[in-house]
Amino acid sequence: MRGEDLWVDAICINQSDENERSSQVNLMSTIYRAARRVLVWLGKEDQFTTDACLLLHTLGGLSLGDRRTIGSQNLESEKCQNLLGPYNQERYWQALP
């Protein structure tokens, strides 16, 4: 990570100090908005993890305009099919929490 900062909340925030944790959580939206790239790990892998990651990776590769289009249309539309390809199936959407 040449010349870039890495912020890991589980490391950068004292998780056992409730006051610190609360104050840092208030800064998270600022940190995430300023980030050029955000990676999130929310827990252990389960039977849905791969499907969720495939759909999220596909969505992440789309422009903001295309993501907004998906949100405003029926997922079975031709536009959504073209944008998401094989990942526009119910099982991938259901894998998301």
N, C-alpha and C. Protein backbone atom coordinates (compact mmCIF):
# COMPACT_ATOMS: atom_id res chain seq x y z
N MET A 1 0.84 -1.18 0.00
CA MET A 1 0.00 0.00 0.00
C MET A 1 0.89 1.25 0.00
N ARG A 2 1.57 1.47 -1.03
CA ARG A 2 2.51 2.57 -1.15
C ARG A 2 1.88 3.92 -0.85
N GLY A 3 2.34 4.57 0.24
CA GLY A 3 1.91 5.91 0.54
C GLY A 3 0.45 6.06 0.92
N GLU A 4 -0.22 4.99 1.25
CA GLU A 4 -1.62 5.06 1.61
C GLU A 4 -1.80 4.68 3.06
N ASP A 5 -2.84 5.22 3.68
CA ASP A 5 -3.17 4.87 5.04
C ASP A 5 -4.12 3.68 5.05
N LEU A 6 -4.01 2.90 6.08
CA LEU A 6 -4.92 1.77 6.28
C LEU A 6 -5.53 1.93 7.66
N TRP A 7 -6.84 1.94 7.72
CA TRP A 7 -7.54 2.07 8.98
C TRP A 7 -8.37 0.81 9.19
N VAL A 8 -8.14 0.13 10.28
CA VAL A 8 -8.86 -1.10 10.61
C VAL A 8 -9.54 -0.86 11.95
N ASP A 9 -10.87 -0.78 11.95
CA ASP A 9 -11.52 -0.37 13.19
C ASP A 9 -11.30 -1.33 14.34
N ALA A 10 -11.18 -2.62 14.06
CA ALA A 10 -10.96 -3.58 15.15
C ALA A 10 -9.59 -3.40 15.79
N ILE A 11 -8.67 -2.77 15.06
CA ILE A 11 -7.32 -2.52 15.58
C ILE A 11 -7.19 -1.08 16.06
N CYS A 12 -7.72 -0.14 15.28
CA CYS A 12 -7.55 1.28 15.58
C CYS A 12 -8.47 1.78 16.69
N ILE A 13 -9.48 1.03 17.03
CA ILE A 13 -10.39 1.41 18.11
C ILE A 13 -10.26 0.39 19.23
N ASN A 14 -10.06 0.89 20.43
CA ASN A 14 -10.01 0.01 21.60
C ASN A 14 -11.43 -0.52 21.82
N GLN A 15 -11.69 -1.73 21.38
CA GLN A 15 -13.03 -2.30 21.42
C GLN A 15 -13.56 -2.50 22.85
N SER A 16 -12.69 -2.55 23.82
CA SER A 16 -13.15 -2.76 25.20
C SER A 16 -13.43 -1.44 25.93
N ASP A 17 -13.11 -0.30 25.31
CA ASP A 17 -13.37 1.01 25.91
C ASP A 17 -14.62 1.60 25.25
N GLU A 18 -15.74 1.55 25.97
CA GLU A 18 -17.02 1.97 25.40
C GLU A 18 -17.02 3.44 24.99
N ASN A 19 -16.38 4.32 25.77
CA ASN A 19 -16.32 5.74 25.42
C ASN A 19 -15.53 5.97 24.13
N GLU A 20 -14.38 5.32 24.03
CA GLU A 20 -13.58 5.47 22.81
C GLU A 20 -14.33 4.91 21.61
N ARG A 21 -14.91 3.75 21.79
CA ARG A 21 -15.66 3.11 20.70
C ARG A 21 -16.78 4.03 20.22
N SER A 22 -17.52 4.61 21.13
CA SER A 22 -18.62 5.51 20.76
C SER A 22 -18.13 6.74 20.01
N SER A 23 -17.06 7.34 20.49
CA SER A 23 -16.56 8.54 19.82
C SER A 23 -16.01 8.20 18.44
N GLN A 24 -15.35 7.05 18.30
CA GLN A 24 -14.81 6.65 17.00
C GLN A 24 -15.90 6.29 16.01
N VAL A 25 -16.97 5.68 16.48
CA VAL A 25 -18.08 5.32 15.59
C VAL A 25 -18.65 6.59 14.96
N ASN A 26 -18.68 7.69 15.70
CA ASN A 26 -19.16 8.96 15.14
C ASN A 26 -18.28 9.45 14.00
N LEU A 27 -17.03 9.05 13.95
CA LEU A 27 -16.11 9.47 12.89
C LEU A 27 -16.14 8.55 11.67
N MET A 28 -16.75 7.39 11.80
CA MET A 28 -16.68 6.39 10.74
C MET A 28 -17.27 6.87 9.42
N SER A 29 -18.38 7.59 9.45
CA SER A 29 -18.95 8.04 8.19
C SER A 29 -17.99 8.99 7.47
N THR A 30 -17.30 9.84 8.22
CA THR A 30 -16.31 10.74 7.62
C THR A 30 -15.14 9.94 7.03
N ILE A 31 -14.69 8.96 7.77
CA ILE A 31 -13.57 8.12 7.32
C ILE A 31 -13.96 7.38 6.05
N TYR A 32 -15.14 6.76 6.04
CA TYR A 32 -15.56 5.99 4.88
C TYR A 32 -15.81 6.88 3.66
N ARG A 33 -16.39 8.06 3.87
CA ARG A 33 -16.63 8.98 2.75
C ARG A 33 -15.32 9.46 2.13
N ALA A 34 -14.30 9.65 2.94
CA ALA A 34 -13.02 10.15 2.44
C ALA A 34 -12.17 9.05 1.82
N ALA A 35 -12.54 7.81 2.07
CA ALA A 35 -11.73 6.68 1.58
C ALA A 35 -11.84 6.53 0.07
N ARG A 36 -10.74 6.17 -0.51
CA ARG A 36 -10.74 5.85 -1.93
C ARG A 36 -11.24 4.44 -2.15
N ARG A 37 -11.03 3.59 -1.15
CA ARG A 37 -11.44 2.19 -1.27
C ARG A 37 -11.79 1.70 0.13
N VAL A 38 -12.89 0.97 0.25
CA VAL A 38 -13.33 0.44 1.53
C VAL A 38 -13.53 -1.06 1.39
N LEU A 39 -12.93 -1.80 2.29
CA LEU A 39 -13.13 -3.23 2.37
C LEU A 39 -13.76 -3.52 3.72
N VAL A 40 -14.75 -4.38 3.74
CA VAL A 40 -15.48 -4.66 4.97
C VAL A 40 -15.53 -6.16 5.19
N TRP A 41 -15.27 -6.57 6.40
CA TRP A 41 -15.44 -7.97 6.79
C TRP A 41 -16.38 -7.96 7.98
N LEU A 42 -17.52 -8.61 7.86
CA LEU A 42 -18.53 -8.56 8.91
C LEU A 42 -18.66 -9.83 9.72
N GLY A 43 -17.88 -10.81 9.43
CA GLY A 43 -17.97 -12.01 10.24
C GLY A 43 -17.52 -13.25 9.50
N LYS A 44 -17.91 -14.38 10.05
CA LYS A 44 -17.50 -15.67 9.50
C LYS A 44 -18.23 -15.96 8.19
N GLU A 45 -17.55 -16.73 7.36
CA GLU A 45 -18.13 -17.16 6.09
C GLU A 45 -19.25 -18.15 6.35
N ASP A 46 -20.30 -18.08 5.53
CA ASP A 46 -21.37 -19.07 5.60
C ASP A 46 -21.75 -19.48 4.18
N GLN A 47 -22.84 -20.17 4.02
CA GLN A 47 -23.22 -20.69 2.70
C GLN A 47 -23.62 -19.58 1.72
N PHE A 48 -23.83 -18.35 2.21
CA PHE A 48 -24.24 -17.25 1.35
C PHE A 48 -23.09 -16.32 0.96
N THR A 49 -21.95 -16.47 1.60
CA THR A 49 -20.85 -15.52 1.44
C THR A 49 -20.40 -15.39 -0.02
N THR A 50 -20.17 -16.49 -0.69
CA THR A 50 -19.67 -16.43 -2.07
C THR A 50 -20.66 -15.72 -2.98
N ASP A 51 -21.94 -16.07 -2.89
CA ASP A 51 -22.95 -15.42 -3.74
C ASP A 51 -23.03 -13.92 -3.45
N ALA A 52 -23.01 -13.55 -2.18
CA ALA A 52 -23.08 -12.13 -1.81
C ALA A 52 -21.87 -11.39 -2.36
N CYS A 53 -20.68 -11.96 -2.22
CA CYS A 53 -19.46 -11.31 -2.71
C CYS A 53 -19.46 -11.16 -4.22
N LEU A 54 -19.95 -12.15 -4.94
CA LEU A 54 -20.01 -12.06 -6.40
C LEU A 54 -20.93 -10.93 -6.84
N LEU A 55 -22.10 -10.82 -6.21
CA LEU A 55 -23.02 -9.74 -6.57
C LEU A 55 -22.44 -8.39 -6.18
N LEU A 56 -21.87 -8.28 -5.00
CA LEU A 56 -21.30 -7.00 -4.56
C LEU A 56 -20.13 -6.58 -5.45
N HIS A 57 -19.30 -7.54 -5.86
CA HIS A 57 -18.19 -7.23 -6.76
C HIS A 57 -18.72 -6.70 -8.09
N THR A 58 -19.76 -7.33 -8.59
CA THR A 58 -20.37 -6.89 -9.86
C THR A 58 -20.96 -5.50 -9.71
N LEU A 59 -21.70 -5.26 -8.62
CA LEU A 59 -22.28 -3.94 -8.37
C LEU A 59 -21.19 -2.89 -8.22
N GLY A 60 -20.11 -3.24 -7.55
CA GLY A 60 -19.01 -2.30 -7.33
C GLY A 60 -18.32 -1.89 -8.62
N GLY A 61 -18.40 -2.72 -9.64
CA GLY A 61 -17.78 -2.41 -10.92
C GLY A 61 -18.63 -1.53 -11.81
N LEU A 62 -19.85 -1.24 -11.38
CA LEU A 62 -20.75 -0.42 -12.18
C LEU A 62 -20.60 1.05 -11.81
N SER A 63 -20.97 1.90 -12.74
CA SER A 63 -20.97 3.34 -12.44
C SER A 63 -22.10 3.65 -11.46
N LEU A 64 -22.00 4.79 -10.82
CA LEU A 64 -23.05 5.21 -9.89
C LEU A 64 -24.39 5.31 -10.61
N GLY A 65 -24.38 5.83 -11.83
CA GLY A 65 -25.61 5.94 -12.61
C GLY A 65 -26.24 4.59 -12.88
N ASP A 66 -25.41 3.60 -13.21
CA ASP A 66 -25.94 2.26 -13.46
C ASP A 66 -26.49 1.64 -12.18
N ARG A 67 -25.82 1.87 -11.04
CA ARG A 67 -26.34 1.35 -9.77
C ARG A 67 -27.67 1.99 -9.43
N ARG A 68 -27.81 3.27 -9.71
CA ARG A 68 -29.09 3.95 -9.47
C ARG A 68 -30.18 3.38 -10.39
N THR A 69 -29.81 3.08 -11.62
CA THR A 69 -30.76 2.49 -12.56
C THR A 69 -31.28 1.17 -12.03
N ILE A 70 -30.38 0.35 -11.50
CA ILE A 70 -30.79 -0.94 -10.95
C ILE A 70 -31.76 -0.73 -9.80
N GLY A 71 -31.50 0.24 -8.97
CA GLY A 71 -32.37 0.50 -7.83
C GLY A 71 -33.74 1.01 -8.20
N SER A 72 -33.87 1.58 -9.39
CA SER A 72 -35.15 2.16 -9.79
C SER A 72 -35.94 1.28 -10.76
N GLN A 73 -35.42 0.12 -11.10
CA GLN A 73 -36.09 -0.74 -12.07
C GLN A 73 -36.39 -2.11 -11.47
N ASN A 74 -37.27 -2.80 -12.14
CA ASN A 74 -37.53 -4.18 -11.80
C ASN A 74 -36.27 -4.98 -12.10
N LEU A 75 -35.84 -5.79 -11.16
CA LEU A 75 -34.60 -6.55 -11.34
C LEU A 75 -34.65 -7.51 -12.53
N GLU A 76 -35.84 -7.81 -12.99
CA GLU A 76 -35.97 -8.72 -14.14
C GLU A 76 -35.95 -7.97 -15.47
N SER A 77 -35.76 -6.66 -15.43
CA SER A 77 -35.73 -5.87 -16.66
C SER A 77 -34.50 -6.24 -17.49
N GLU A 78 -34.58 -5.96 -18.76
CA GLU A 78 -33.46 -6.23 -19.66
C GLU A 78 -32.23 -5.41 -19.26
N LYS A 79 -32.45 -4.17 -18.81
CA LYS A 79 -31.34 -3.31 -18.39
C LYS A 79 -30.59 -3.95 -17.23
N CYS A 80 -31.31 -4.44 -16.23
CA CYS A 80 -30.67 -5.08 -15.08
C CYS A 80 -29.95 -6.35 -15.50
N GLN A 81 -30.56 -7.12 -16.37
CA GLN A 81 -29.92 -8.35 -16.86
C GLN A 81 -28.61 -8.03 -17.56
N ASN A 82 -28.61 -6.97 -18.37
CA ASN A 82 -27.39 -6.59 -19.09
C ASN A 82 -26.31 -6.11 -18.14
N LEU A 83 -26.69 -5.38 -17.10
CA LEU A 83 -25.71 -4.84 -16.17
C LEU A 83 -25.14 -5.90 -15.23
N LEU A 84 -25.97 -6.83 -14.79
CA LEU A 84 -25.55 -7.79 -13.78
C LEU A 84 -25.27 -9.19 -14.31
N GLY A 85 -25.70 -9.45 -15.53
CA GLY A 85 -25.44 -10.76 -16.13
C GLY A 85 -25.93 -11.91 -15.27
N PRO A 86 -25.09 -12.93 -15.09
CA PRO A 86 -25.52 -14.13 -14.37
C PRO A 86 -25.79 -13.89 -12.88
N TYR A 87 -25.35 -12.74 -12.35
CA TYR A 87 -25.52 -12.47 -10.91
C TYR A 87 -26.84 -11.78 -10.60
N ASN A 88 -27.66 -11.57 -11.61
CA ASN A 88 -28.98 -11.00 -11.38
C ASN A 88 -30.00 -12.12 -11.23
N GLN A 89 -29.76 -12.96 -10.24
CA GLN A 89 -30.67 -14.05 -9.91
C GLN A 89 -31.06 -13.90 -8.45
N GLU A 90 -32.22 -14.40 -8.12
CA GLU A 90 -32.75 -14.26 -6.77
C GLU A 90 -31.77 -14.76 -5.70
N ARG A 91 -31.08 -15.86 -5.96
CA ARG A 91 -30.19 -16.42 -4.93
C ARG A 91 -29.08 -15.45 -4.54
N TYR A 92 -28.58 -14.65 -5.51
CA TYR A 92 -27.52 -13.68 -5.19
C TYR A 92 -28.07 -12.52 -4.35
N TRP A 93 -29.26 -12.05 -4.71
CA TRP A 93 -29.87 -10.96 -3.95
C TRP A 93 -30.24 -11.43 -2.54
N GLN A 94 -30.70 -12.66 -2.40
CA GLN A 94 -31.08 -13.16 -1.10
C GLN A 94 -29.86 -13.40 -0.21
N ALA A 95 -28.70 -13.53 -0.80
CA ALA A 95 -27.48 -13.74 -0.02
C ALA A 95 -27.05 -12.48 0.73
N LEU A 96 -27.55 -11.33 0.26
CA LEU A 96 -27.21 -10.06 0.94
C LEU A 96 -28.05 -9.94 2.21
N PRO A 97 -27.45 -9.45 3.28
CA PRO A 97 -28.23 -9.31 4.53
C PRO A 97 -29.27 -8.22 4.44
